[in-house]
N, C-alpha and C. Protein backbone atom coordinates (compact mmCIF):
# COMPACT_ATOMS: atom_id res chain seq x y z
N MET A 1 -7.45 25.51 8.87
CA MET A 1 -8.48 24.52 9.21
C MET A 1 -7.89 23.12 9.09
N THR A 2 -8.09 22.30 10.11
CA THR A 2 -7.57 20.94 10.10
C THR A 2 -8.37 20.08 9.13
N GLU A 3 -7.68 19.32 8.32
CA GLU A 3 -8.38 18.46 7.37
C GLU A 3 -9.04 17.30 8.09
N ILE A 4 -10.17 16.85 7.59
CA ILE A 4 -10.87 15.69 8.13
C ILE A 4 -10.53 14.50 7.25
N LEU A 5 -9.88 13.52 7.85
CA LEU A 5 -9.37 12.40 7.07
C LEU A 5 -10.31 11.21 7.13
N LYS A 6 -10.41 10.52 6.03
CA LYS A 6 -11.11 9.26 5.95
C LYS A 6 -10.44 8.26 6.90
N GLU A 7 -11.22 7.40 7.56
CA GLU A 7 -10.65 6.52 8.57
C GLU A 7 -10.89 5.04 8.27
N TYR A 8 -9.92 4.24 8.67
CA TYR A 8 -10.03 2.78 8.64
C TYR A 8 -9.55 2.27 9.99
N GLN A 9 -10.35 1.40 10.60
CA GLN A 9 -10.02 0.90 11.94
C GLN A 9 -9.25 -0.42 11.85
N VAL A 10 -8.07 -0.43 12.47
CA VAL A 10 -7.17 -1.59 12.45
C VAL A 10 -7.34 -2.36 13.76
N ILE A 11 -7.88 -3.56 13.67
CA ILE A 11 -8.18 -4.37 14.85
C ILE A 11 -6.90 -4.88 15.49
N LEU A 12 -6.90 -4.88 16.83
CA LEU A 12 -5.79 -5.45 17.60
C LEU A 12 -6.02 -6.94 17.79
N ILE A 13 -4.99 -7.73 17.52
CA ILE A 13 -5.07 -9.17 17.74
C ILE A 13 -4.00 -9.57 18.75
N ASP A 14 -4.15 -10.76 19.33
CA ASP A 14 -3.12 -11.26 20.24
C ASP A 14 -1.82 -11.45 19.48
N LYS A 15 -0.72 -11.30 20.19
CA LYS A 15 0.59 -11.45 19.57
C LYS A 15 0.71 -12.81 18.88
N ILE A 16 1.16 -12.78 17.63
CA ILE A 16 1.29 -14.00 16.85
C ILE A 16 2.58 -14.72 17.24
N GLN A 17 2.45 -16.02 17.45
CA GLN A 17 3.65 -16.81 17.74
C GLN A 17 4.52 -16.86 16.49
N LYS A 18 5.83 -16.83 16.70
CA LYS A 18 6.76 -16.85 15.57
C LYS A 18 6.63 -18.16 14.79
N ASN A 19 6.60 -18.04 13.48
CA ASN A 19 6.65 -19.23 12.63
C ASN A 19 7.38 -18.86 11.35
N ASN A 20 7.36 -19.73 10.40
CA ASN A 20 8.13 -19.49 9.17
C ASN A 20 7.39 -18.62 8.17
N ASP A 21 6.13 -18.33 8.45
CA ASP A 21 5.32 -17.54 7.53
C ASP A 21 5.47 -16.07 7.89
N PRO A 22 5.82 -15.21 6.93
CA PRO A 22 6.02 -13.81 7.26
C PRO A 22 4.76 -13.05 7.62
N VAL A 23 3.60 -13.60 7.25
CA VAL A 23 2.36 -12.90 7.56
C VAL A 23 1.38 -13.85 8.26
N LEU A 24 0.12 -13.61 8.11
CA LEU A 24 -0.88 -14.30 8.91
C LEU A 24 -1.55 -15.42 8.14
N ILE A 25 -2.01 -16.41 8.89
CA ILE A 25 -2.83 -17.44 8.27
C ILE A 25 -4.23 -16.85 8.02
N PRO A 26 -4.96 -17.41 7.06
CA PRO A 26 -6.25 -16.81 6.67
C PRO A 26 -7.21 -16.59 7.84
N PHE A 27 -7.13 -17.43 8.84
CA PHE A 27 -8.03 -17.30 10.00
C PHE A 27 -7.99 -15.89 10.59
N PHE A 28 -6.80 -15.33 10.71
CA PHE A 28 -6.68 -14.02 11.34
C PHE A 28 -7.30 -12.91 10.50
N TRP A 29 -7.21 -13.03 9.17
CA TRP A 29 -7.76 -11.97 8.33
C TRP A 29 -9.27 -11.88 8.44
N GLU A 30 -9.92 -12.96 8.90
CA GLU A 30 -11.37 -12.91 9.08
C GLU A 30 -11.76 -11.91 10.16
N LYS A 31 -10.83 -11.57 11.04
CA LYS A 31 -11.11 -10.62 12.12
C LYS A 31 -11.00 -9.17 11.66
N ALA A 32 -10.39 -8.95 10.50
CA ALA A 32 -10.06 -7.59 10.07
C ALA A 32 -11.25 -6.91 9.40
N ASN A 33 -11.31 -5.60 9.54
CA ASN A 33 -12.24 -4.81 8.73
C ASN A 33 -11.79 -4.85 7.28
N CYS A 34 -12.76 -4.90 6.38
CA CYS A 34 -12.45 -4.99 4.95
C CYS A 34 -12.75 -3.67 4.27
N LEU A 35 -11.71 -3.06 3.75
CA LEU A 35 -11.83 -1.77 3.08
C LEU A 35 -11.97 -2.02 1.57
N THR A 36 -13.05 -1.52 0.97
CA THR A 36 -13.29 -1.76 -0.46
C THR A 36 -13.62 -0.48 -1.24
N ASP A 37 -13.70 0.65 -0.55
CA ASP A 37 -14.19 1.87 -1.22
C ASP A 37 -13.06 2.63 -1.91
N PHE A 38 -12.57 2.03 -2.98
CA PHE A 38 -11.53 2.64 -3.80
C PHE A 38 -12.16 3.39 -4.97
N CYS A 39 -11.39 4.32 -5.52
CA CYS A 39 -11.88 5.10 -6.64
C CYS A 39 -10.75 5.35 -7.64
N SER A 40 -11.13 5.63 -8.86
CA SER A 40 -10.18 6.04 -9.90
C SER A 40 -10.75 7.30 -10.55
N PRO A 41 -10.52 8.46 -9.93
CA PRO A 41 -11.21 9.69 -10.35
C PRO A 41 -10.85 10.18 -11.73
N TRP A 42 -9.76 9.67 -12.30
CA TRP A 42 -9.25 10.22 -13.55
C TRP A 42 -9.64 9.39 -14.77
N LYS A 43 -10.38 8.30 -14.55
CA LYS A 43 -10.84 7.47 -15.66
C LYS A 43 -12.27 7.03 -15.40
N THR A 44 -13.03 6.91 -16.46
CA THR A 44 -14.41 6.45 -16.30
C THR A 44 -14.52 4.93 -16.39
N ASP A 45 -13.45 4.27 -16.84
CA ASP A 45 -13.48 2.81 -16.96
C ASP A 45 -13.63 2.17 -15.58
N SER A 46 -14.32 1.04 -15.55
CA SER A 46 -14.42 0.29 -14.30
C SER A 46 -13.09 -0.40 -14.01
N PHE A 47 -12.89 -0.79 -12.78
CA PHE A 47 -11.66 -1.50 -12.41
C PHE A 47 -12.01 -2.64 -11.46
N SER A 48 -11.10 -3.58 -11.35
CA SER A 48 -11.34 -4.78 -10.55
C SER A 48 -11.49 -4.44 -9.07
N LYS A 49 -12.32 -5.19 -8.39
CA LYS A 49 -12.54 -4.99 -6.96
C LYS A 49 -11.23 -5.18 -6.19
N ILE A 50 -11.03 -4.35 -5.19
CA ILE A 50 -9.87 -4.43 -4.31
C ILE A 50 -10.36 -4.54 -2.87
N GLU A 51 -9.79 -5.49 -2.15
CA GLU A 51 -10.04 -5.59 -0.71
C GLU A 51 -8.73 -5.33 0.03
N PHE A 52 -8.76 -4.40 0.96
CA PHE A 52 -7.59 -4.14 1.80
C PHE A 52 -7.95 -4.42 3.24
N LYS A 53 -7.07 -5.15 3.92
CA LYS A 53 -7.28 -5.45 5.34
C LYS A 53 -5.98 -5.19 6.09
N ALA A 54 -6.12 -4.78 7.35
CA ALA A 54 -4.96 -4.59 8.20
C ALA A 54 -5.29 -5.01 9.62
N LEU A 55 -4.29 -5.50 10.32
CA LEU A 55 -4.38 -5.89 11.72
C LEU A 55 -3.09 -5.47 12.41
N HIS A 56 -3.10 -5.47 13.73
CA HIS A 56 -1.83 -5.22 14.43
C HIS A 56 -1.81 -5.99 15.74
N ASP A 57 -0.59 -6.30 16.18
CA ASP A 57 -0.39 -6.83 17.52
C ASP A 57 0.70 -5.99 18.18
N SER A 58 1.28 -6.48 19.24
CA SER A 58 2.25 -5.67 19.97
C SER A 58 3.55 -5.48 19.21
N GLU A 59 3.78 -6.30 18.18
CA GLU A 59 5.06 -6.24 17.47
C GLU A 59 4.96 -5.82 16.02
N ASN A 60 3.82 -6.08 15.36
CA ASN A 60 3.75 -5.87 13.92
C ASN A 60 2.43 -5.25 13.47
N PHE A 61 2.51 -4.51 12.39
CA PHE A 61 1.36 -4.06 11.60
C PHE A 61 1.28 -4.98 10.39
N TYR A 62 0.14 -5.62 10.20
CA TYR A 62 -0.03 -6.58 9.10
C TYR A 62 -0.97 -5.98 8.05
N PHE A 63 -0.65 -6.19 6.77
CA PHE A 63 -1.51 -5.67 5.71
C PHE A 63 -1.75 -6.75 4.66
N ASN A 64 -2.90 -6.64 4.01
CA ASN A 64 -3.30 -7.63 3.01
C ASN A 64 -4.12 -6.95 1.93
N PHE A 65 -3.62 -7.01 0.70
CA PHE A 65 -4.38 -6.57 -0.48
C PHE A 65 -4.84 -7.82 -1.22
N ARG A 66 -6.11 -7.90 -1.52
CA ARG A 66 -6.61 -8.91 -2.46
C ARG A 66 -7.26 -8.17 -3.62
N VAL A 67 -6.73 -8.39 -4.82
CA VAL A 67 -7.20 -7.70 -6.02
C VAL A 67 -7.82 -8.74 -6.94
N PHE A 68 -9.08 -8.53 -7.30
CA PHE A 68 -9.82 -9.52 -8.10
C PHE A 68 -9.54 -9.29 -9.58
N ASP A 69 -8.31 -9.64 -9.95
CA ASP A 69 -7.81 -9.42 -11.31
C ASP A 69 -6.81 -10.53 -11.61
N THR A 70 -6.93 -11.15 -12.75
CA THR A 70 -5.97 -12.19 -13.15
C THR A 70 -5.16 -11.77 -14.37
N ASP A 71 -5.48 -10.62 -14.93
CA ASP A 71 -4.73 -10.10 -16.08
C ASP A 71 -3.63 -9.18 -15.55
N ILE A 72 -2.53 -9.78 -15.15
CA ILE A 72 -1.48 -9.06 -14.43
C ILE A 72 -0.31 -8.77 -15.37
N TYR A 73 0.18 -7.55 -15.29
CA TYR A 73 1.36 -7.19 -16.09
C TYR A 73 2.55 -6.93 -15.17
N ILE A 74 3.67 -7.62 -15.47
CA ILE A 74 4.92 -7.40 -14.74
C ILE A 74 6.01 -7.10 -15.76
N ASP A 75 6.68 -5.98 -15.58
CA ASP A 75 7.84 -5.62 -16.40
C ASP A 75 9.04 -6.39 -15.83
N GLN A 76 9.54 -7.34 -16.61
CA GLN A 76 10.58 -8.24 -16.10
C GLN A 76 11.95 -7.98 -16.73
N LYS A 77 12.15 -6.78 -17.24
CA LYS A 77 13.46 -6.49 -17.84
C LYS A 77 14.59 -6.68 -16.83
N ASP A 78 14.33 -6.20 -15.61
CA ASP A 78 15.31 -6.35 -14.52
C ASP A 78 14.54 -6.12 -13.22
N ASP A 79 15.27 -6.00 -12.12
CA ASP A 79 14.61 -5.77 -10.84
C ASP A 79 14.77 -4.33 -10.36
N SER A 80 14.97 -3.42 -11.29
CA SER A 80 15.15 -2.02 -10.93
C SER A 80 13.83 -1.41 -10.50
N PHE A 81 13.92 -0.25 -9.84
CA PHE A 81 12.71 0.48 -9.47
C PHE A 81 11.92 0.89 -10.71
N LEU A 82 12.61 1.16 -11.81
CA LEU A 82 11.93 1.52 -13.05
C LEU A 82 11.04 0.37 -13.51
N SER A 83 11.56 -0.84 -13.40
CA SER A 83 10.80 -2.02 -13.80
C SER A 83 9.59 -2.21 -12.89
N ILE A 84 9.77 -2.08 -11.59
CA ILE A 84 8.65 -2.20 -10.66
C ILE A 84 7.62 -1.10 -10.95
N GLY A 85 8.12 0.10 -11.26
CA GLY A 85 7.23 1.22 -11.54
C GLY A 85 6.43 1.07 -12.81
N ASN A 86 6.79 0.12 -13.66
CA ASN A 86 6.04 -0.16 -14.88
C ASN A 86 5.19 -1.42 -14.76
N SER A 87 4.99 -1.90 -13.53
CA SER A 87 4.27 -3.15 -13.29
C SER A 87 3.01 -2.93 -12.46
N ASP A 88 2.06 -3.86 -12.60
CA ASP A 88 0.91 -3.87 -11.71
C ASP A 88 1.41 -3.96 -10.27
N ARG A 89 0.87 -3.11 -9.39
CA ARG A 89 1.37 -3.12 -8.02
C ARG A 89 0.33 -2.51 -7.08
N VAL A 90 0.60 -2.71 -5.80
CA VAL A 90 -0.17 -2.04 -4.74
C VAL A 90 0.80 -1.14 -3.98
N GLU A 91 0.25 -0.14 -3.29
CA GLU A 91 1.11 0.85 -2.66
C GLU A 91 0.56 1.26 -1.30
N LEU A 92 1.47 1.44 -0.36
CA LEU A 92 1.16 2.02 0.94
C LEU A 92 2.11 3.19 1.17
N PHE A 93 1.55 4.35 1.45
CA PHE A 93 2.35 5.52 1.82
C PHE A 93 2.05 5.85 3.28
N PHE A 94 3.06 6.30 3.99
CA PHE A 94 2.90 6.72 5.38
C PHE A 94 3.52 8.09 5.54
N ARG A 95 2.82 8.99 6.22
CA ARG A 95 3.37 10.33 6.39
C ARG A 95 3.50 10.68 7.88
N THR A 96 4.47 11.53 8.18
CA THR A 96 4.66 11.97 9.55
C THR A 96 3.67 13.07 9.91
N ASN A 97 3.28 13.85 8.93
CA ASN A 97 2.35 14.95 9.19
C ASN A 97 1.78 15.45 7.86
N GLU A 98 0.87 16.40 7.96
CA GLU A 98 0.16 16.91 6.78
C GLU A 98 1.10 17.59 5.79
N SER A 99 2.26 18.04 6.27
CA SER A 99 3.19 18.75 5.37
C SER A 99 3.98 17.79 4.47
N LEU A 100 3.82 16.48 4.70
CA LEU A 100 4.56 15.46 3.92
C LEU A 100 6.07 15.66 4.03
N ASN A 101 6.51 16.01 5.21
CA ASN A 101 7.93 16.32 5.39
C ASN A 101 8.50 15.55 6.58
N PRO A 102 8.85 14.25 6.38
CA PRO A 102 8.81 13.50 5.12
C PRO A 102 7.60 12.56 5.06
N TYR A 103 7.56 11.74 4.00
CA TYR A 103 6.65 10.60 3.96
C TYR A 103 7.39 9.42 3.34
N TYR A 104 6.85 8.24 3.56
CA TYR A 104 7.55 7.00 3.18
C TYR A 104 6.65 6.17 2.28
N CYS A 105 7.25 5.60 1.25
CA CYS A 105 6.48 4.91 0.21
C CYS A 105 6.91 3.46 0.08
N LEU A 106 5.92 2.59 0.02
CA LEU A 106 6.14 1.18 -0.26
C LEU A 106 5.28 0.82 -1.47
N GLU A 107 5.93 0.44 -2.57
CA GLU A 107 5.21 0.03 -3.77
C GLU A 107 5.64 -1.40 -4.07
N ILE A 108 4.68 -2.32 -4.11
CA ILE A 108 4.98 -3.75 -4.15
C ILE A 108 4.26 -4.37 -5.34
N ASP A 109 5.01 -5.02 -6.22
CA ASP A 109 4.36 -5.63 -7.39
C ASP A 109 3.91 -7.05 -7.05
N THR A 110 3.27 -7.69 -8.02
CA THR A 110 2.63 -8.98 -7.76
C THR A 110 3.63 -10.12 -7.62
N SER A 111 4.90 -9.86 -7.88
CA SER A 111 5.92 -10.88 -7.64
C SER A 111 6.64 -10.64 -6.31
N GLY A 112 6.21 -9.62 -5.58
CA GLY A 112 6.79 -9.36 -4.26
C GLY A 112 7.99 -8.43 -4.27
N ARG A 113 8.31 -7.84 -5.42
CA ARG A 113 9.40 -6.86 -5.45
C ARG A 113 8.93 -5.56 -4.78
N ILE A 114 9.80 -4.97 -3.98
CA ILE A 114 9.45 -3.78 -3.21
C ILE A 114 10.23 -2.57 -3.72
N MET A 115 9.52 -1.50 -4.04
CA MET A 115 10.13 -0.19 -4.27
C MET A 115 9.86 0.64 -3.01
N ASP A 116 10.88 0.84 -2.20
CA ASP A 116 10.71 1.59 -0.96
C ASP A 116 11.60 2.82 -1.00
N PHE A 117 11.03 3.96 -0.61
CA PHE A 117 11.80 5.20 -0.66
C PHE A 117 11.19 6.23 0.29
N ILE A 118 11.99 7.20 0.65
CA ILE A 118 11.54 8.34 1.45
C ILE A 118 11.32 9.51 0.50
N ALA A 119 10.36 10.35 0.82
CA ALA A 119 10.01 11.44 -0.09
C ALA A 119 9.72 12.72 0.69
N LEU A 120 9.88 13.82 0.00
CA LEU A 120 9.54 15.14 0.48
C LEU A 120 8.52 15.75 -0.49
N PRO A 121 7.89 16.87 -0.14
CA PRO A 121 6.88 17.45 -1.04
C PRO A 121 7.42 17.71 -2.45
N GLU A 122 6.48 17.82 -3.38
CA GLU A 122 6.79 18.07 -4.79
C GLU A 122 7.54 16.90 -5.43
N LYS A 123 7.21 15.69 -4.98
CA LYS A 123 7.79 14.47 -5.56
C LYS A 123 9.31 14.46 -5.51
N ASP A 124 9.83 14.86 -4.37
CA ASP A 124 11.28 14.83 -4.14
C ASP A 124 11.61 13.49 -3.50
N PHE A 125 12.02 12.51 -4.33
CA PHE A 125 12.20 11.13 -3.91
C PHE A 125 13.67 10.82 -3.65
N ASP A 126 13.92 10.05 -2.58
CA ASP A 126 15.26 9.54 -2.30
C ASP A 126 15.21 8.02 -2.35
N PHE A 127 15.61 7.47 -3.49
CA PHE A 127 15.54 6.03 -3.69
C PHE A 127 16.69 5.28 -3.01
N SER A 128 17.63 5.99 -2.43
CA SER A 128 18.71 5.32 -1.71
C SER A 128 18.24 4.86 -0.33
N TRP A 129 17.13 5.45 0.15
CA TRP A 129 16.60 5.05 1.45
C TRP A 129 15.91 3.70 1.34
N LYS A 130 16.06 2.86 2.36
CA LYS A 130 15.42 1.55 2.38
C LYS A 130 14.73 1.34 3.73
N TRP A 131 13.56 0.71 3.69
CA TRP A 131 12.95 0.29 4.94
C TRP A 131 13.87 -0.75 5.57
N PRO A 132 14.14 -0.68 6.87
CA PRO A 132 15.05 -1.66 7.48
C PRO A 132 14.63 -3.09 7.15
N LYS A 133 15.57 -3.85 6.63
CA LYS A 133 15.26 -5.15 6.04
C LYS A 133 14.56 -6.11 7.00
N ASN A 134 14.98 -6.11 8.25
CA ASN A 134 14.39 -7.03 9.22
C ASN A 134 13.03 -6.57 9.72
N ASP A 135 12.61 -5.37 9.32
CA ASP A 135 11.37 -4.79 9.80
C ASP A 135 10.23 -4.87 8.80
N ILE A 136 10.45 -5.51 7.67
CA ILE A 136 9.38 -5.67 6.69
C ILE A 136 9.53 -7.02 5.99
N GLU A 137 8.41 -7.70 5.80
CA GLU A 137 8.37 -8.94 5.03
C GLU A 137 7.12 -8.92 4.17
N VAL A 138 7.24 -9.46 2.99
CA VAL A 138 6.13 -9.46 2.03
C VAL A 138 6.02 -10.83 1.39
N LYS A 139 4.80 -11.25 1.09
CA LYS A 139 4.62 -12.44 0.26
C LYS A 139 3.44 -12.20 -0.68
N THR A 140 3.44 -12.92 -1.78
CA THR A 140 2.38 -12.79 -2.77
C THR A 140 1.85 -14.17 -3.13
N SER A 141 0.62 -14.20 -3.62
CA SER A 141 0.01 -15.44 -4.07
C SER A 141 -1.07 -15.12 -5.08
N LYS A 142 -1.52 -16.16 -5.77
CA LYS A 142 -2.58 -16.01 -6.77
C LYS A 142 -3.54 -17.18 -6.65
N ASP A 143 -4.78 -16.94 -7.06
CA ASP A 143 -5.73 -18.03 -7.24
C ASP A 143 -6.45 -17.82 -8.56
N GLU A 144 -7.55 -18.49 -8.77
CA GLU A 144 -8.22 -18.44 -10.08
C GLU A 144 -8.85 -17.08 -10.37
N ILE A 145 -9.09 -16.28 -9.34
CA ILE A 145 -9.83 -15.03 -9.55
C ILE A 145 -9.11 -13.79 -9.04
N SER A 146 -7.96 -13.94 -8.39
CA SER A 146 -7.36 -12.78 -7.74
C SER A 146 -5.88 -12.97 -7.48
N PHE A 147 -5.23 -11.88 -7.08
CA PHE A 147 -3.89 -11.99 -6.53
C PHE A 147 -3.86 -11.31 -5.17
N ILE A 148 -2.92 -11.75 -4.33
CA ILE A 148 -2.80 -11.23 -2.97
C ILE A 148 -1.38 -10.74 -2.76
N VAL A 149 -1.26 -9.56 -2.17
CA VAL A 149 0.01 -9.03 -1.70
C VAL A 149 -0.18 -8.74 -0.22
N GLU A 150 0.59 -9.40 0.62
CA GLU A 150 0.43 -9.21 2.05
C GLU A 150 1.79 -9.15 2.74
N GLY A 151 1.79 -8.63 3.94
CA GLY A 151 3.07 -8.53 4.62
C GLY A 151 2.93 -8.01 6.03
N ARG A 152 4.09 -7.80 6.64
CA ARG A 152 4.13 -7.25 7.99
C ARG A 152 5.20 -6.16 8.05
N ILE A 153 4.94 -5.17 8.87
CA ILE A 153 5.89 -4.09 9.14
C ILE A 153 6.00 -4.00 10.66
N SER A 154 7.22 -3.96 11.17
CA SER A 154 7.36 -3.93 12.62
C SER A 154 6.83 -2.62 13.19
N ILE A 155 6.15 -2.74 14.33
CA ILE A 155 5.66 -1.55 15.03
C ILE A 155 6.83 -0.65 15.41
N GLN A 156 7.95 -1.26 15.80
CA GLN A 156 9.10 -0.46 16.22
C GLN A 156 9.60 0.43 15.10
N SER A 157 9.64 -0.11 13.86
CA SER A 157 10.12 0.73 12.75
C SER A 157 9.16 1.87 12.48
N LEU A 158 7.86 1.64 12.61
CA LEU A 158 6.87 2.71 12.43
C LEU A 158 7.05 3.79 13.50
N LYS A 159 7.34 3.35 14.74
CA LYS A 159 7.56 4.32 15.81
C LYS A 159 8.86 5.09 15.58
N ASP A 160 9.91 4.37 15.15
CA ASP A 160 11.20 5.02 14.92
C ASP A 160 11.09 6.11 13.86
N LEU A 161 10.19 5.91 12.90
CA LEU A 161 10.00 6.89 11.83
C LEU A 161 8.92 7.93 12.19
N HIS A 162 8.43 7.87 13.42
CA HIS A 162 7.41 8.82 13.92
C HIS A 162 6.11 8.74 13.12
N LEU A 163 5.74 7.49 12.77
CA LEU A 163 4.55 7.29 11.95
C LEU A 163 3.34 6.84 12.75
N ILE A 164 3.54 6.53 14.04
CA ILE A 164 2.40 6.22 14.92
C ILE A 164 2.30 7.34 15.95
N GLN A 165 1.19 8.04 15.91
CA GLN A 165 0.96 9.14 16.85
C GLN A 165 -0.47 9.04 17.37
N ASN A 166 -0.59 8.94 18.69
CA ASN A 166 -1.92 8.80 19.31
C ASN A 166 -2.69 7.61 18.73
N ASN A 167 -1.98 6.49 18.56
CA ASN A 167 -2.58 5.26 18.01
C ASN A 167 -3.17 5.47 16.62
N THR A 168 -2.57 6.35 15.88
CA THR A 168 -3.04 6.65 14.53
C THR A 168 -1.85 6.65 13.55
N ILE A 169 -2.07 6.07 12.39
CA ILE A 169 -1.11 6.13 11.29
C ILE A 169 -1.79 6.84 10.14
N GLU A 170 -1.18 7.91 9.63
CA GLU A 170 -1.75 8.59 8.45
C GLU A 170 -1.17 7.93 7.21
N ALA A 171 -2.04 7.37 6.38
CA ALA A 171 -1.59 6.49 5.30
C ALA A 171 -2.40 6.69 4.03
N GLY A 172 -1.76 6.38 2.91
CA GLY A 172 -2.42 6.29 1.62
C GLY A 172 -2.42 4.85 1.16
N VAL A 173 -3.50 4.44 0.52
CA VAL A 173 -3.63 3.05 0.03
C VAL A 173 -3.98 3.15 -1.45
N PHE A 174 -3.13 2.55 -2.30
CA PHE A 174 -3.26 2.77 -3.74
C PHE A 174 -3.04 1.47 -4.52
N ARG A 175 -3.43 1.55 -5.80
CA ARG A 175 -3.10 0.49 -6.74
C ARG A 175 -2.79 1.11 -8.10
N ALA A 176 -1.82 0.52 -8.78
CA ALA A 176 -1.54 0.87 -10.17
C ALA A 176 -1.85 -0.35 -11.03
N LYS A 177 -2.74 -0.17 -12.01
CA LYS A 177 -3.13 -1.25 -12.91
C LYS A 177 -2.68 -0.91 -14.33
N PHE A 178 -1.89 -1.78 -14.94
CA PHE A 178 -1.40 -1.54 -16.29
C PHE A 178 -2.17 -2.41 -17.29
N SER A 179 -2.71 -1.77 -18.31
CA SER A 179 -3.49 -2.47 -19.33
C SER A 179 -2.86 -2.29 -20.69
N LEU A 180 -2.90 -3.33 -21.48
CA LEU A 180 -2.31 -3.30 -22.81
C LEU A 180 -3.11 -2.37 -23.72
N VAL A 181 -2.40 -1.46 -24.36
CA VAL A 181 -3.02 -0.60 -25.37
C VAL A 181 -2.27 -0.85 -26.68
N GLU A 182 -2.31 0.08 -27.60
CA GLU A 182 -1.71 -0.17 -28.91
C GLU A 182 -0.19 -0.20 -28.83
N ASN A 183 0.41 -0.83 -29.84
CA ASN A 183 1.87 -0.90 -29.99
C ASN A 183 2.56 -1.55 -28.78
N LEU A 184 1.87 -2.52 -28.18
CA LEU A 184 2.41 -3.27 -27.04
C LEU A 184 2.77 -2.38 -25.85
N GLN A 185 2.17 -1.20 -25.81
CA GLN A 185 2.37 -0.32 -24.67
C GLN A 185 1.33 -0.62 -23.59
N HIS A 186 1.71 -0.38 -22.35
CA HIS A 186 0.79 -0.59 -21.23
C HIS A 186 0.48 0.76 -20.56
N ASP A 187 -0.80 1.01 -20.43
CA ASP A 187 -1.27 2.30 -19.93
C ASP A 187 -1.78 2.12 -18.50
N PRO A 188 -1.32 2.97 -17.54
CA PRO A 188 -1.73 2.78 -16.15
C PRO A 188 -3.09 3.38 -15.83
N THR A 189 -3.81 2.68 -14.95
CA THR A 189 -4.97 3.23 -14.28
C THR A 189 -4.59 3.39 -12.81
N TRP A 190 -4.81 4.57 -12.26
CA TRP A 190 -4.40 4.89 -10.90
C TRP A 190 -5.62 4.84 -9.99
N ILE A 191 -5.52 4.05 -8.92
CA ILE A 191 -6.65 3.77 -8.05
C ILE A 191 -6.27 4.12 -6.61
N SER A 192 -7.17 4.81 -5.90
CA SER A 192 -6.85 5.31 -4.57
C SER A 192 -8.00 5.07 -3.60
N TRP A 193 -7.66 4.85 -2.34
CA TRP A 193 -8.67 4.78 -1.28
C TRP A 193 -9.31 6.15 -1.08
N VAL A 194 -8.49 7.18 -1.02
CA VAL A 194 -8.97 8.54 -0.82
C VAL A 194 -8.87 9.30 -2.14
N ASN A 195 -9.94 9.97 -2.52
CA ASN A 195 -9.91 10.78 -3.74
C ASN A 195 -9.10 12.06 -3.46
N PRO A 196 -7.95 12.22 -4.12
CA PRO A 196 -7.13 13.40 -3.84
C PRO A 196 -7.69 14.71 -4.40
N ASN A 197 -8.71 14.58 -5.27
CA ASN A 197 -9.31 15.76 -5.90
C ASN A 197 -8.28 16.58 -6.68
N THR A 198 -7.54 15.89 -7.52
CA THR A 198 -6.58 16.53 -8.41
C THR A 198 -7.02 16.33 -9.85
N GLU A 199 -6.63 17.24 -10.72
CA GLU A 199 -7.03 17.14 -12.12
C GLU A 199 -6.38 15.95 -12.81
N THR A 200 -5.13 15.69 -12.48
CA THR A 200 -4.39 14.56 -13.05
C THR A 200 -3.97 13.64 -11.92
N PRO A 201 -3.69 12.35 -12.23
CA PRO A 201 -3.34 11.41 -11.17
C PRO A 201 -2.16 11.88 -10.33
N ASN A 202 -2.36 11.86 -9.01
CA ASN A 202 -1.28 12.27 -8.10
C ASN A 202 -1.55 11.69 -6.72
N PHE A 203 -0.74 10.70 -6.33
CA PHE A 203 -0.84 10.16 -4.98
C PHE A 203 0.08 10.92 -4.02
N HIS A 204 1.04 11.66 -4.58
CA HIS A 204 2.08 12.30 -3.77
C HIS A 204 1.64 13.71 -3.35
N ILE A 205 0.51 13.70 -2.62
CA ILE A 205 -0.11 14.96 -2.23
C ILE A 205 -0.87 14.71 -0.93
N ALA A 206 -0.95 15.71 -0.08
CA ALA A 206 -1.55 15.52 1.26
C ALA A 206 -2.98 15.01 1.19
N SER A 207 -3.73 15.42 0.17
CA SER A 207 -5.15 15.07 0.08
C SER A 207 -5.39 13.62 -0.30
N SER A 208 -4.34 12.83 -0.54
CA SER A 208 -4.52 11.43 -0.90
C SER A 208 -4.45 10.50 0.32
N PHE A 209 -4.28 11.07 1.52
CA PHE A 209 -4.05 10.28 2.72
C PHE A 209 -5.32 10.19 3.58
N GLY A 210 -5.42 9.07 4.28
CA GLY A 210 -6.44 8.88 5.30
C GLY A 210 -5.78 8.48 6.61
N LYS A 211 -6.60 7.96 7.53
CA LYS A 211 -6.09 7.58 8.86
C LYS A 211 -6.35 6.09 9.11
N PHE A 212 -5.33 5.40 9.60
CA PHE A 212 -5.51 4.07 10.18
C PHE A 212 -5.59 4.27 11.69
N ILE A 213 -6.71 3.89 12.28
CA ILE A 213 -6.89 4.00 13.72
C ILE A 213 -6.56 2.64 14.34
N LEU A 214 -5.53 2.58 15.17
CA LEU A 214 -5.11 1.33 15.81
C LEU A 214 -5.95 1.12 17.07
N LEU A 215 -6.85 0.17 17.02
CA LEU A 215 -7.76 -0.07 18.15
C LEU A 215 -7.07 -0.86 19.25
């Protein structure tokens, strides 16, 4: 039986003229659908509101996370993937098909560091893989009530990886929130757009994905 995936509609905009900004000016984000129905099935604690928006033109897929949280934790020991993995971050996963063979992960912390890797089922990660450097740009910002992580991914790179099929991208949208607990340890809360229906937190599973419909 084919799974029925949760959907988010990505509005098409006119091609953006090249400028020095890697992403969009605020005006364009007003055109985007705003996705807010996130869940944290493994904890009863409330979590900060998250807004996710995406747009596309003929050259790029644009994404924008706004998280209404100012208590941000960044592990600054170094710039390793381990350090990023211990920090507050947002995540986008893209899969080629339901078998997750393969899928691609982008995990971006609030300072703009990117953990990008290719994966196979059962959390078989290849951290040597990198998203082509010229095909992704990210920027971050903060204000009095929130932080923003936004960026662009080239349409060509998504096509090259076989991630756009019939104007659809199968994707997971996630957040990891680290909160201070005892002994200066930080405990993660795992937040997902799609409830994977697992007993313990797991984004690396077919049931955590939805569909981006490119209009």
